[in-house]
Amino acid sequence: MSFKVRIVQAERTIEVPTGATILGCALDAGVAYPFGCQSGNCGACKSHLVKGEVTMEGYSEFALSDEEKARGLILACRAVPWEDSEVAWLEEDDLIVHPRRLLDCEVVALDDATHDIKRIRLKIVSGGPFDFSAGQFASVTFEGCPPRDYSMANVPGDPILEFHVRRTAGGATSTHVSEKLKVGDHVRVEGPFGPSYLREAHRGPIIAVAGGSGMAPIKSVVERALQKALPQHIYFYFGVRSERDLYLHDHFAKLAETRKNLHFIPVLSESDSEARRQGLVHEAVAQDFDEFDGCKAYLAGPPVMVEAATKLFEQRGMRRIDIHADAFYTAAEMASAGKKTGAEL
């Protein structure tokens, strides 16, 4: 007999035979689960038990205190499941895990953000409440379409969910949204997912970089930071091709006028307008910063932009653990590469 254990960050479900530990089976399955002593003494494999039941073999209170155990934390190297379960290992600042919800939503507003991006607002009809951290995404299913991943653009706690959907060539879902979706339609939303969310306890500078519809999660991150009155400077770079691809410019420009710690920098890659920064968005960041000591970066958009920005930050001394990136793959790109990563364009 065995039990199924889902590991959140790995997006894998493994089989754990009766009497075996989660960590041992995860490592056997090739999951890069964090671990150290494997004997319950160091705490390196400390994890959230998201759901399910486990028993704990002997361990040191140094590795797991009674208070932590009461909060639902376990040591994967000592945890033996007794039913199908779900776990999430702790990250550098303690992974936040929200309850997974399956929502029935209704379209209450639909408008053109740009020539190829629709902004959709959904009211939760049933399945809530829906808690998430700014920057996360959900699996969204429109009638007659396969599910697709889109980032929430609203601030956590808002009663209306907001998504930005860019039309892609041959994309069944984005074509449906562009041509057929209407107010009153019902939409299924499942989530939240994703580790690239705002670290609200961090007090160093924030560098937020969005490309195209990557605006959605970065909008949520920036607005949440302002809502929480985080004191540090926030540098928001928004990269698009041309003037017609800009959206929410006036919104963030006005916020930057009233919130002195917010700096909004649109960057156009295919424009010779003297009124805008020109070039690739990560190059604009490189021009403004020599090093990134104490910063955290939040990146969302096309994979090539995310990869270029990540490389830049690492070259200038930013720790990889401080780079929270969400590359937006199209459905075709994900299928060809066998990916299930991040939200979609």
C-alpha atoms as a PDB file:
ATOM      1  CA  MET A   1       0.000   0.000   0.000  1.00  0.00           C
ATOM      2  CA  SER A   2       1.203   3.519  -0.726  1.00  0.00           C
ATOM      3  CA  PHE A   3      -0.019   7.101  -0.552  1.00  0.00           C
ATOM      4  CA  LYS A   4       0.216   9.969  -3.026  1.00  0.00           C
ATOM      5  CA  VAL A   5       2.103  13.040  -1.798  1.00  0.00           C
ATOM      6  CA  ARG A   6       2.078  16.244  -3.845  1.00  0.00           C
ATOM      7  CA  ILE A   7       5.144  18.478  -3.470  1.00  0.00           C
ATOM      8  CA  VAL A   8       4.137  22.060  -4.181  1.00  0.00           C
ATOM      9  CA  GLN A   9       7.366  23.631  -5.487  1.00  0.00           C
ATOM     10  CA  ALA A  10       8.340  20.618  -7.580  1.00  0.00           C
ATOM     11  CA  GLU A  11       4.808  20.378  -9.029  1.00  0.00           C
ATOM     12  CA  ARG A  12       5.206  16.618  -8.624  1.00  0.00           C
ATOM     13  CA  THR A  13       3.142  13.907  -7.001  1.00  0.00           C
ATOM     14  CA  ILE A  14       5.119  10.962  -5.664  1.00  0.00           C
ATOM     15  CA  GLU A  15       4.199   7.552  -4.279  1.00  0.00           C
ATOM     16  CA  VAL A  16       5.175   6.956  -0.646  1.00  0.00           C
ATOM     17  CA  PRO A  17       4.862   3.327   0.535  1.00  0.00           C
ATOM     18  CA  THR A  18       3.469   2.620   3.987  1.00  0.00           C
ATOM     19  CA  GLY A  19       6.121   3.304   6.612  1.00  0.00           C
ATOM     20  CA  ALA A  20       8.416   5.309   4.285  1.00  0.00           C
ATOM     21  CA  THR A  21       9.282   8.979   4.759  1.00  0.00           C
ATOM     22  CA  ILE A  22       8.337  11.785   2.403  1.00  0.00           C
ATOM     23  CA  LEU A  23      11.921  12.989   2.037  1.00  0.00           C
ATOM     24  CA  GLY A  24      13.362   9.577   1.280  1.00  0.00           C
ATOM     25  CA  CYS A  25      10.836   8.902  -1.461  1.00  0.00           C
ATOM     26  CA  ALA A  26      11.144  12.420  -2.864  1.00  0.00           C
ATOM     27  CA  LEU A  27      14.906  12.069  -3.220  1.00  0.00           C
ATOM     28  CA  ASP A  28      14.494   8.610  -4.756  1.00  0.00           C
ATOM     29  CA  ALA A  29      12.110  10.164  -7.299  1.00  0.00           C
ATOM     30  CA  GLY A  30      14.664  12.811  -8.264  1.00  0.00           C
ATOM     31  CA  VAL A  31      12.964  15.741  -6.521  1.00  0.00           C
ATOM     32  CA  ALA A  32      15.464  18.406  -5.410  1.00  0.00           C
ATOM     33  CA  TYR A  33      13.990  18.561  -1.919  1.00  0.00           C
ATOM     34  CA  PRO A  34      16.101  20.585   0.555  1.00  0.00           C
ATOM     35  CA  PHE A  35      17.689  18.366   3.225  1.00  0.00           C
ATOM     36  CA  GLY A  36      20.651  18.021   5.518  1.00  0.00           C
ATOM     37  CA  CYS A  37      21.169  15.389   8.194  1.00  0.00           C
ATOM     38  CA  GLN A  38      18.166  13.202   7.195  1.00  0.00           C
ATOM     39  CA  SER A  39      17.853  12.233  10.866  1.00  0.00           C
ATOM     40  CA  GLY A  40      15.573  14.926  12.314  1.00  0.00           C
ATOM     41  CA  ASN A  41      18.311  17.062  13.829  1.00  0.00           C
ATOM     42  CA  CYS A  42      19.044  19.971  11.486  1.00  0.00           C
ATOM     43  CA  GLY A  43      15.655  21.263  10.277  1.00  0.00           C
ATOM     44  CA  ALA A  44      16.784  21.726   6.662  1.00  0.00           C
ATOM     45  CA  CYS A  45      13.788  19.746   5.346  1.00  0.00           C
ATOM     46  CA  LYS A  46      11.233  21.624   7.472  1.00  0.00           C
ATOM     47  CA  SER A  47       7.985  21.852   5.508  1.00  0.00           C
ATOM     48  CA  HIS A  48       4.344  22.881   5.622  1.00  0.00           C
ATOM     49  CA  LEU A  49       1.862  20.013   5.750  1.00  0.00           C
ATOM     50  CA  VAL A  50      -0.694  21.615   3.446  1.00  0.00           C
ATOM     51  CA  LYS A  51      -3.139  18.753   3.737  1.00  0.00           C
ATOM     52  CA  GLY A  52      -3.225  15.133   4.848  1.00  0.00           C
ATOM     53  CA  GLU A  53      -2.014  13.281   7.928  1.00  0.00           C
ATOM     54  CA  VAL A  54       1.470  12.095   8.849  1.00  0.00           C
ATOM     55  CA  THR A  55       3.167  10.611  11.863  1.00  0.00           C
ATOM     56  CA  MET A  56       6.556  11.888  12.930  1.00  0.00           C
ATOM     57  CA  GLU A  57       9.416   9.582  13.826  1.00  0.00           C
ATOM     58  CA  GLY A  58      11.863  10.758  16.495  1.00  0.00           C
ATOM     59  CA  TYR A  59      13.390  14.207  15.969  1.00  0.00           C
ATOM     60  CA  SER A  60      15.136  16.991  17.869  1.00  0.00           C
ATOM     61  CA  GLU A  61      13.144  19.897  19.287  1.00  0.00           C
ATOM     62  CA  PHE A  62      15.938  22.091  17.932  1.00  0.00           C
ATOM     63  CA  ALA A  63      14.902  21.040  14.439  1.00  0.00           C
ATOM     64  CA  LEU A  64      11.149  21.402  15.038  1.00  0.00           C
ATOM     65  CA  SER A  65       9.667  23.164  18.057  1.00  0.00           C
ATOM     66  CA  ASP A  66       6.270  22.391  19.536  1.00  0.00           C
ATOM     67  CA  GLU A  67       5.057  25.803  18.387  1.00  0.00           C
ATOM     68  CA  GLU A  68       6.119  25.068  14.807  1.00  0.00           C
ATOM     69  CA  LYS A  69       4.476  21.668  14.915  1.00  0.00           C
ATOM     70  CA  ALA A  70       1.266  23.300  16.140  1.00  0.00           C
ATOM     71  CA  ARG A  71       1.407  25.597  13.090  1.00  0.00           C
ATOM     72  CA  GLY A  72       1.408  22.580  10.802  1.00  0.00           C
ATOM     73  CA  LEU A  73       5.131  22.274  10.138  1.00  0.00           C
ATOM     74  CA  ILE A  74       6.807  18.893   9.750  1.00  0.00           C
ATOM     75  CA  LEU A  75      10.242  17.469   9.037  1.00  0.00           C
ATOM     76  CA  ALA A  76      10.047  15.647   5.707  1.00  0.00           C
ATOM     77  CA  CYS A  77      12.822  13.263   6.755  1.00  0.00           C
ATOM     78  CA  ARG A  78      10.744  12.101   9.733  1.00  0.00           C
ATOM     79  CA  ALA A  79       7.246  12.363   8.235  1.00  0.00           C
ATOM     80  CA  VAL A  80       5.440   9.128   7.380  1.00  0.00           C
ATOM     81  CA  PRO A  81       2.109   9.732   5.588  1.00  0.00           C
ATOM     82  CA  TRP A  82      -1.036   7.830   6.487  1.00  0.00           C
ATOM     83  CA  GLU A  83      -3.209   9.267   3.735  1.00  0.00           C
ATOM     84  CA  ASP A  84      -2.784  11.175   0.491  1.00  0.00           C
ATOM     85  CA  SER A  85      -1.086  14.453   1.396  1.00  0.00           C
ATOM     86  CA  GLU A  86       0.432  17.691   0.118  1.00  0.00           C
ATOM     87  CA  VAL A  87       3.610  19.347   1.400  1.00  0.00           C
ATOM     88  CA  ALA A  88       5.610  22.490   0.665  1.00  0.00           C
ATOM     89  CA  TRP A  89       9.152  22.983   1.883  1.00  0.00           C
ATOM     90  CA  LEU A  90      10.102  26.277   3.529  1.00  0.00           C
ATOM     91  CA  GLU A  91      11.896  28.817   1.397  1.00  0.00           C
ATOM     92  CA  GLU A  92      14.268  31.567   2.445  1.00  0.00           C
ATOM     93  CA  ASP A  93      11.558  33.583   4.155  1.00  0.00           C
ATOM     94  CA  ASP A  94       9.080  30.808   4.919  1.00  0.00           C
ATOM     95  CA  LEU A  95       6.897  29.801   2.020  1.00  0.00           C
ATOM     96  CA  ILE A  96       3.383  31.161   2.255  1.00  0.00           C
ATOM     97  CA  VAL A  97       0.825  28.517   1.357  1.00  0.00           C
ATOM     98  CA  HIS A  98      -2.765  29.568   0.735  1.00  0.00           C
ATOM     99  CA  PRO A  99      -5.692  27.136   0.618  1.00  0.00           C
ATOM    100  CA  ARG A 100      -6.271  25.841  -2.908  1.00  0.00           C
ATOM    101  CA  ARG A 101      -9.690  26.936  -4.160  1.00  0.00           C
ATOM    102  CA  LEU A 102     -11.879  26.027  -7.120  1.00  0.00           C
ATOM    103  CA  LEU A 103     -14.014  29.053  -7.897  1.00  0.00           C
ATOM    104  CA  ASP A 104     -17.037  29.638 -10.064  1.00  0.00           C
ATOM    105  CA  CYS A 105     -16.759  33.232 -11.286  1.00  0.00           C
ATOM    106  CA  GLU A 106     -18.799  35.578 -13.444  1.00  0.00           C
ATOM    107  CA  VAL A 107     -17.399  38.122 -15.900  1.00  0.00           C
ATOM    108  CA  VAL A 108     -18.478  41.567 -14.678  1.00  0.00           C
ATOM    109  CA  ALA A 109     -16.235  43.759 -16.835  1.00  0.00           C
ATOM    110  CA  LEU A 110     -14.270  43.314 -20.054  1.00  0.00           C
ATOM    111  CA  ASP A 111     -12.239  45.949 -21.865  1.00  0.00           C
ATOM    112  CA  ASP A 112      -9.331  46.430 -24.235  1.00  0.00           C
ATOM    113  CA  ALA A 113      -6.158  47.302 -22.343  1.00  0.00           C
ATOM    114  CA  THR A 114      -4.253  47.474 -25.659  1.00  0.00           C
ATOM    115  CA  HIS A 115      -4.793  46.341 -29.243  1.00  0.00           C
ATOM    116  CA  ASP A 116      -4.035  42.726 -28.196  1.00  0.00           C
ATOM    117  CA  ILE A 117      -4.598  42.545 -24.416  1.00  0.00           C
ATOM    118  CA  LYS A 118      -7.997  42.118 -22.784  1.00  0.00           C
ATOM    119  CA  ARG A 119      -8.518  43.097 -19.171  1.00  0.00           C
ATOM    120  CA  ILE A 120     -11.053  40.816 -17.509  1.00  0.00           C
ATOM    121  CA  ARG A 121     -12.728  41.320 -14.143  1.00  0.00           C
ATOM    122  CA  LEU A 122     -14.437  38.427 -12.400  1.00  0.00           C
ATOM    123  CA  LYS A 123     -16.832  38.270  -9.472  1.00  0.00           C
ATOM    124  CA  ILE A 124     -16.552  35.153  -7.304  1.00  0.00           C
ATOM    125  CA  VAL A 125     -19.918  33.389  -7.328  1.00  0.00           C
ATOM    126  CA  SER A 126     -18.950  30.351  -5.259  1.00  0.00           C
ATOM    127  CA  GLY A 127     -15.928  28.525  -3.888  1.00  0.00           C
ATOM    128  CA  GLY A 128     -14.359  31.444  -2.023  1.00  0.00           C
ATOM    129  CA  PRO A 129     -12.814  33.041  -0.116  1.00  0.00           C
ATOM    130  CA  PHE A 130      -9.811  33.272  -2.406  1.00  0.00           C
ATOM    131  CA  ASP A 131      -6.582  34.164  -0.633  1.00  0.00           C
ATOM    132  CA  PHE A 132      -3.339  34.658  -2.544  1.00  0.00           C
ATOM    133  CA  SER A 133      -0.094  36.582  -2.369  1.00  0.00           C
ATOM    134  CA  ALA A 134       0.611  39.430  -4.789  1.00  0.00           C
ATOM    135  CA  GLY A 135       2.384  38.010  -7.841  1.00  0.00           C
ATOM    136  CA  GLN A 136       0.761  34.564  -7.864  1.00  0.00           C
ATOM    137  CA  PHE A 137      -1.313  33.052 -10.667  1.00  0.00           C
ATOM    138  CA  ALA A 138      -4.316  30.780 -11.163  1.00  0.00           C
ATOM    139  CA  SER A 139      -5.511  28.194 -13.648  1.00  0.00           C
ATOM    140  CA  VAL A 140      -8.373  29.811 -15.563  1.00  0.00           C
ATOM    141  CA  THR A 141     -10.880  27.897 -17.695  1.00  0.00           C
ATOM    142  CA  PHE A 142     -13.233  29.669 -20.095  1.00  0.00           C
ATOM    143  CA  GLU A 143     -16.189  27.766 -21.573  1.00  0.00           C
ATOM    144  CA  GLY A 144     -15.105  25.333 -24.267  1.00  0.00           C
ATOM    145  CA  CYS A 145     -11.403  26.111 -23.790  1.00  0.00           C
ATOM    146  CA  PRO A 146      -8.511  24.264 -22.162  1.00  0.00           C
ATOM    147  CA  PRO A 147      -7.321  25.692 -18.827  1.00  0.00           C
ATOM    148  CA  ARG A 148      -4.593  28.324 -19.006  1.00  0.00           C
ATOM    149  CA  ASP A 149      -2.502  30.010 -16.321  1.00  0.00           C
ATOM    150  CA  TYR A 150      -2.929  33.755 -15.792  1.00  0.00           C
ATOM    151  CA  SER A 151      -1.639  36.012 -13.028  1.00  0.00           C
ATOM    152  CA  MET A 152      -3.939  37.963 -10.765  1.00  0.00           C
ATOM    153  CA  ALA A 153      -3.547  41.700 -11.398  1.00  0.00           C
ATOM    154  CA  ASN A 154      -5.611  42.822  -8.413  1.00  0.00           C
ATOM    155  CA  VAL A 155      -4.441  43.269  -4.849  1.00  0.00           C
ATOM    156  CA  PRO A 156      -5.121  40.345  -2.487  1.00  0.00           C
ATOM    157  CA  GLY A 157      -8.386  40.868  -0.654  1.00  0.00           C
ATOM    158  CA  ASP A 158     -10.138  42.668  -3.493  1.00  0.00           C
ATOM    159  CA  PRO A 159     -13.610  41.198  -4.118  1.00  0.00           C
ATOM    160  CA  ILE A 160     -13.082  41.330  -7.900  1.00  0.00           C
ATOM    161  CA  LEU A 161     -10.367  39.265  -9.602  1.00  0.00           C
ATOM    162  CA  GLU A 162      -8.531  40.855 -12.517  1.00  0.00           C
ATOM    163  CA  PHE A 163      -6.666  39.065 -15.316  1.00  0.00           C
ATOM    164  CA  HIS A 164      -4.852  40.352 -18.421  1.00  0.00           C
ATOM    165  CA  VAL A 165      -5.023  38.069 -21.469  1.00  0.00           C
ATOM    166  CA  ARG A 166      -2.869  38.756 -24.517  1.00  0.00           C
ATOM    167  CA  ARG A 167      -4.020  37.332 -27.826  1.00  0.00           C
ATOM    168  CA  THR A 168      -1.462  34.950 -29.322  1.00  0.00           C
ATOM    169  CA  ALA A 169      -1.371  33.536 -32.842  1.00  0.00           C
ATOM    170  CA  GLY A 170      -3.264  30.253 -32.903  1.00  0.00           C
ATOM    171  CA  GLY A 171      -4.143  30.465 -29.210  1.00  0.00           C
ATOM    172  CA  ALA A 172      -7.575  28.919 -28.705  1.00  0.00           C
ATOM    173  CA  THR A 173      -8.118  30.442 -25.268  1.00  0.00           C
ATOM    174  CA  SER A 174      -6.856  33.924 -26.070  1.00  0.00           C
ATOM    175  CA  THR A 175      -8.882  33.947 -29.308  1.00  0.00           C
ATOM    176  CA  HIS A 176     -12.013  32.993 -27.366  1.00  0.00           C
ATOM    177  CA  VAL A 177     -11.366  35.795 -24.870  1.00  0.00           C
ATOM    178  CA  SER A 178     -10.740  38.283 -27.669  1.00  0.00           C
ATOM    179  CA  GLU A 179     -13.709  37.386 -29.846  1.00  0.00           C
ATOM    180  CA  LYS A 180     -16.379  35.566 -27.826  1.00  0.00           C
ATOM    181  CA  LEU A 181     -16.121  36.247 -24.096  1.00  0.00           C
ATOM    182  CA  LYS A 182     -18.845  38.543 -22.776  1.00  0.00           C
ATOM    183  CA  VAL A 183     -20.086  40.008 -19.523  1.00  0.00           C
ATOM    184  CA  GLY A 184     -22.185  37.443 -17.670  1.00  0.00           C
ATOM    185  CA  ASP A 185     -20.183  34.412 -18.821  1.00  0.00           C
ATOM    186  CA  HIS A 186     -19.025  31.981 -16.145  1.00  0.00           C
ATOM    187  CA  VAL A 187     -15.351  31.160 -15.693  1.00  0.00           C
ATOM    188  CA  ARG A 188     -13.628  28.550 -13.524  1.00  0.00           C
ATOM    189  CA  VAL A 189     -10.607  29.692 -11.512  1.00  0.00           C
ATOM    190  CA  GLU A 190      -8.358  27.339  -9.558  1.00  0.00           C
ATOM    191  CA  GLY A 191      -5.450  28.371  -7.403  1.00  0.00           C
ATOM    192  CA  PRO A 192      -3.419  30.111  -6.238  1.00  0.00           C
ATOM    193  CA  PHE A 193      -0.088  28.892  -7.584  1.00  0.00           C
ATOM    194  CA  GLY A 194       3.468  30.156  -7.846  1.00  0.00           C
ATOM    195  CA  PRO A 195       6.352  31.146  -5.565  1.00  0.00           C
ATOM    196  CA  SER A 196       7.118  34.514  -7.243  1.00  0.00           C
ATOM    197  CA  TYR A 197       5.127  36.630  -4.833  1.00  0.00           C
ATOM    198  CA  LEU A 198       5.888  39.813  -2.896  1.00  0.00           C
ATOM    199  CA  ARG A 199       8.048  39.245   0.189  1.00  0.00           C
ATOM    200  CA  GLU A 200       6.314  41.715   2.486  1.00  0.00           C
ATOM    201  CA  ALA A 201       8.863  41.398   5.283  1.00  0.00           C
ATOM    202  CA  HIS A 202      11.715  42.569   3.039  1.00  0.00           C
ATOM    203  CA  ARG A 203      12.772  46.191   3.557  1.00  0.00           C
ATOM    204  CA  GLY A 204      15.396  46.680   0.847  1.00  0.00           C
ATOM    205  CA  PRO A 205      14.716  48.342  -2.533  1.00  0.00           C
ATOM    206  CA  ILE A 206      12.295  46.624  -4.901  1.00  0.00           C
ATOM    207  CA  ILE A 207      13.075  46.378  -8.615  1.00  0.00           C
ATOM    208  CA  ALA A 208       9.977  45.291 -10.526  1.00  0.00           C
ATOM    209  CA  VAL A 209      10.282  44.555 -14.243  1.00  0.00           C
ATOM    210  CA  ALA A 210       7.299  43.726 -16.452  1.00  0.00           C
ATOM    211  CA  GLY A 211       7.136  42.975 -20.151  1.00  0.00           C
ATOM    212  CA  GLY A 212       3.787  43.154 -21.991  1.00  0.00           C
ATOM    213  CA  SER A 213       1.031  41.360 -20.091  1.00  0.00           C
ATOM    214  CA  GLY A 214       3.610  40.676 -17.384  1.00  0.00           C
ATOM    215  CA  MET A 215       2.100  43.921 -16.130  1.00  0.00           C
ATOM    216  CA  ALA A 216      -0.553  41.826 -14.346  1.00  0.00           C
ATOM    217  CA  PRO A 217       1.467  40.217 -11.517  1.00  0.00           C
ATOM    218  CA  ILE A 218       3.794  43.225 -11.219  1.00  0.00           C
ATOM    219  CA  LYS A 219       0.763  45.514 -10.881  1.00  0.00           C
ATOM    220  CA  SER A 220      -0.389  43.332  -7.998  1.00  0.00           C
ATOM    221  CA  VAL A 221       3.069  43.341  -6.388  1.00  0.00           C
ATOM    222  CA  VAL A 222       3.539  47.114  -6.656  1.00  0.00           C
ATOM    223  CA  GLU A 223       0.038  48.021  -5.518  1.00  0.00           C
ATOM    224  CA  ARG A 224       0.270  45.605  -2.600  1.00  0.00           C
ATOM    225  CA  ALA A 225       3.576  47.138  -1.511  1.00  0.00           C
ATOM    226  CA  LEU A 226       1.953  50.575  -1.598  1.00  0.00           C
ATOM    227  CA  GLN A 227      -1.162  49.331   0.183  1.00  0.00           C
ATOM    228  CA  LYS A 228       1.002  47.911   2.983  1.00  0.00           C
ATOM    229  CA  ALA A 229       2.938  51.198   3.112  1.00  0.00           C
ATOM    230  CA  LEU A 230       6.255  49.417   2.659  1.00  0.00           C
ATOM    231  CA  PRO A 231       8.868  52.142   3.183  1.00  0.00           C
ATOM    232  CA  GLN A 232      11.526  51.220   0.607  1.00  0.00           C
ATOM    233  CA  HIS A 233      11.927  52.633  -2.881  1.00  0.00           C
ATOM    234  CA  ILE A 234      10.081  50.732  -5.618  1.00  0.00           C
ATOM    235  CA  TYR A 235      11.472  50.953  -9.165  1.00  0.00           C
ATOM    236  CA  PHE A 236       8.874  49.737 -11.672  1.00  0.00           C
ATOM    237  CA  TYR A 237      10.178  49.239 -15.226  1.00  0.00           C
ATOM    238  CA  PHE A 238       7.532  48.436 -17.852  1.00  0.00           C
ATOM    239  CA  GLY A 239       8.911  47.259 -21.181  1.00  0.00           C
ATOM    240  CA  VAL A 240       6.825  47.170 -24.369  1.00  0.00           C
ATOM    241  CA  ARG A 241       7.491  47.482 -28.104  1.00  0.00           C
ATOM    242  CA  SER A 242       5.709  50.713 -28.984  1.00  0.00           C
ATOM    243  CA  GLU A 243       3.353  53.388 -27.690  1.00  0.00           C
ATOM    244  CA  ARG A 244       0.279  51.356 -28.582  1.00  0.00           C
ATOM    245  CA  ASP A 245       1.453  48.546 -26.297  1.00  0.00           C
ATOM    246  CA  LEU A 246       1.553  50.767 -23.202  1.00  0.00           C
ATOM    247  CA  TYR A 247      -1.314  50.438 -20.768  1.00  0.00           C
ATOM    248  CA  LEU A 248      -2.079  51.619 -17.234  1.00  0.00           C
ATOM    249  CA  HIS A 249       0.565  54.271 -17.856  1.00  0.00           C
ATOM    250  CA  ASP A 250      -1.517  57.134 -16.479  1.00  0.00           C
ATOM    251  CA  HIS A 251      -2.501  55.062 -13.457  1.00  0.00           C
ATOM    252  CA  PHE A 252       1.080  54.367 -12.382  1.00  0.00           C
ATOM    253  CA  ALA A 253       2.333  57.808 -13.391  1.00  0.00           C
ATOM    254  CA  LYS A 254      -0.225  59.369 -11.046  1.00  0.00           C
ATOM    255  CA  LEU A 255       0.670  56.935  -8.270  1.00  0.00           C
ATOM    256  CA  ALA A 256       4.317  57.891  -8.682  1.00  0.00           C
ATOM    257  CA  GLU A 257       3.391  61.565  -8.277  1.00  0.00           C
ATOM    258  CA  THR A 258       1.697  60.958  -4.942  1.00  0.00           C
ATOM    259  CA  ARG A 259       3.834  58.110  -3.560  1.00  0.00           C
ATOM    260  CA  LYS A 260       7.365  59.416  -3.472  1.00  0.00           C
ATOM    261  CA  ASN A 261       8.924  55.985  -3.013  1.00  0.00           C
ATOM    262  CA  LEU A 262       7.463  54.746  -6.340  1.00  0.00           C
ATOM    263  CA  HIS A 263       9.409  55.314  -9.553  1.00  0.00           C
ATOM    264  CA  PHE A 264       7.617  54.304 -12.780  1.00  0.00           C
ATOM    265  CA  ILE A 265       9.776  53.918 -15.898  1.00  0.00           C
ATOM    266  CA  PRO A 266       8.145  52.865 -19.198  1.00  0.00           C
ATOM    267  CA  VAL A 267      10.668  51.605 -21.778  1.00  0.00           C
ATOM    268  CA  LEU A 268       9.914  51.198 -25.502  1.00  0.00           C
ATOM    269  CA  SER A 269      12.049  48.850 -27.601  1.00  0.00           C
ATOM    270  CA  GLU A 270      10.781  49.824 -31.072  1.00  0.00           C
ATOM    271  CA  SER A 271      10.202  53.560 -30.835  1.00  0.00           C
ATOM    272  CA  ASP A 272      12.249  56.676 -31.474  1.00  0.00           C
ATOM    273  CA  SER A 273      10.004  58.878 -29.330  1.00  0.00           C
ATOM    274  CA  GLU A 274      12.081  61.317 -27.308  1.00  0.00           C
ATOM    275  CA  ALA A 275       9.342  61.343 -24.682  1.00  0.00           C
ATOM    276  CA  ARG A 276      10.092  57.759 -23.590  1.00  0.00           C
ATOM    277  CA  ARG A 277      13.066  55.687 -22.515  1.00  0.00           C
ATOM    278  CA  GLN A 278      14.173  53.584 -25.460  1.00  0.00           C
ATOM    279  CA  GLY A 279      15.749  50.152 -25.773  1.00  0.00           C
ATOM    280  CA  LEU A 280      15.317  46.823 -24.029  1.00  0.00           C
ATOM    281  CA  VAL A 281      13.865  47.046 -20.552  1.00  0.00           C
ATOM    282  CA  HIS A 282      16.662  45.142 -18.795  1.00  0.00           C
ATOM    283  CA  GLU A 283      19.191  47.457 -20.445  1.00  0.00           C
ATOM    284  CA  ALA A 284      17.359  50.435 -18.924  1.00  0.00           C
ATOM    285  CA  VAL A 285      17.757  48.840 -15.505  1.00  0.00           C
ATOM    286  CA  ALA A 286      21.461  48.263 -16.224  1.00  0.00           C
ATOM    287  CA  GLN A 287      21.878  51.952 -17.040  1.00  0.00           C
ATOM    288  CA  ASP A 288      20.333  53.004 -13.729  1.00  0.00           C
ATOM    289  CA  PHE A 289      21.981  50.536 -11.320  1.00  0.00           C
ATOM    290  CA  ASP A 290      25.617  49.546 -10.901  1.00  0.00           C
ATOM    291  CA  GLU A 291      24.867  46.988  -8.177  1.00  0.00           C
ATOM    292  CA  PHE A 292      21.863  45.618  -6.361  1.00  0.00           C
ATOM    293  CA  ASP A 293      22.948  45.296  -2.759  1.00  0.00           C
ATOM    294  CA  GLY A 294      19.931  44.603  -0.544  1.00  0.00           C
ATOM    295  CA  CYS A 295      17.456  44.573  -3.444  1.00  0.00           C
ATOM    296  CA  LYS A 296      14.795  42.082  -4.376  1.00  0.00           C
ATOM    297  CA  ALA A 297      13.699  41.724  -7.986  1.00  0.00           C
ATOM    298  CA  TYR A 298      10.278  40.731  -9.307  1.00  0.00           C
ATOM    299  CA  LEU A 299      10.202  39.839 -13.005  1.00  0.00           C
ATOM    300  CA  ALA A 300       7.284  38.857 -15.253  1.00  0.00           C
ATOM    301  CA  GLY A 301       6.902  38.673 -19.002  1.00  0.00           C
ATOM    302  CA  PRO A 302       8.385  36.976 -22.074  1.00  0.00           C
ATOM    303  CA  PRO A 303      11.031  34.330 -21.288  1.00  0.00           C
ATOM    304  CA  VAL A 304      13.769  36.146 -23.210  1.00  0.00           C
ATOM    305  CA  MET A 305      13.224  39.288 -21.112  1.00  0.00           C
ATOM    306  CA  VAL A 306      13.101  37.378 -17.841  1.00  0.00           C
ATOM    307  CA  GLU A 307      16.265  35.444 -18.687  1.00  0.00           C
ATOM    308  CA  ALA A 308      18.164  38.578 -19.738  1.00  0.00           C
ATOM    309  CA  ALA A 309      17.152  40.463 -16.592  1.00  0.00           C
ATOM    310  CA  THR A 310      18.005  37.510 -14.345  1.00  0.00           C
ATOM    311  CA  LYS A 311      21.458  37.240 -15.924  1.00  0.00           C
ATOM    312  CA  LEU A 312      22.030  40.973 -15.437  1.00  0.00           C
ATOM    313  CA  PHE A 313      21.040  40.904 -11.774  1.00  0.00           C
ATOM    314  CA  GLU A 314      23.224  37.906 -11.031  1.00  0.00           C
ATOM    315  CA  GLN A 315      26.212  39.454 -12.824  1.00  0.00           C
ATOM    316  CA  ARG A 316      25.887  42.523 -10.633  1.00  0.00           C
ATOM    317  CA  GLY A 317      25.799  40.637  -7.380  1.00  0.00           C
ATOM    318  CA  MET A 318      22.167  39.883  -6.661  1.00  0.00           C
ATOM    319  CA  ARG A 319      21.631  36.503  -5.027  1.00  0.00           C
ATOM    320  CA  ARG A 320      19.482  34.113  -7.049  1.00  0.00           C
ATOM    321  CA  ILE A 321      17.304  33.682  -3.967  1.00  0.00           C
ATOM    322  CA  ASP A 322      16.367  37.389  -4.236  1.00  0.00           C
ATOM    323  CA  ILE A 323      15.184  37.110  -7.850  1.00  0.00           C
ATOM    324  CA  HIS A 324      11.517  36.144  -8.111  1.00  0.00           C
ATOM    325  CA  ALA A 325      10.815  35.465 -11.769  1.00  0.00           C
ATOM    326  CA  ASP A 326       7.725  34.402 -13.697  1.00  0.00           C
ATOM    327  CA  ALA A 327       8.399  33.700 -17.382  1.00  0.00           C
ATOM    328  CA  PHE A 328       5.210  33.849 -19.458  1.00  0.00           C
ATOM    329  CA  TYR A 329       5.271  30.932 -21.904  1.00  0.00           C
ATOM    330  CA  THR A 330       2.629  30.593 -24.593  1.00  0.00           C
ATOM    331  CA  ALA A 331       0.724  27.314 -24.700  1.00  0.00           C
ATOM    332  CA  ALA A 332       2.685  26.302 -27.811  1.00  0.00           C
ATOM    333  CA  GLU A 333       6.019  27.044 -26.124  1.00  0.00           C
ATOM    334  CA  MET A 334       5.031  25.074 -23.047  1.00  0.00           C
ATOM    335  CA  ALA A 335       3.897  22.111 -25.131  1.00  0.00           C
ATOM    336  CA  SER A 336       7.071  22.025 -27.210  1.00  0.00           C
ATOM    337  CA  ALA A 337       9.303  22.300 -24.149  1.00  0.00           C
ATOM    338  CA  GLY A 338       7.198  20.076 -21.881  1.00  0.00           C
ATOM    339  CA  LYS A 339       6.853  22.941 -19.397  1.00  0.00           C
ATOM    340  CA  LYS A 340       4.339  23.774 -16.680  1.00  0.00           C
ATOM    341  CA  THR A 341       5.928  26.977 -15.492  1.00  0.00           C
ATOM    342  CA  GLY A 342       4.412  30.266 -14.461  1.00  0.00           C
ATOM    343  CA  ALA A 343       1.543  32.122 -16.038  1.00  0.00           C
ATOM    344  CA  GLU A 344       0.883  32.567 -19.723  1.00  0.00           C
ATOM    345  CA  LEU A 345       0.985  35.437 -22.117  1.00  0.00           C
END
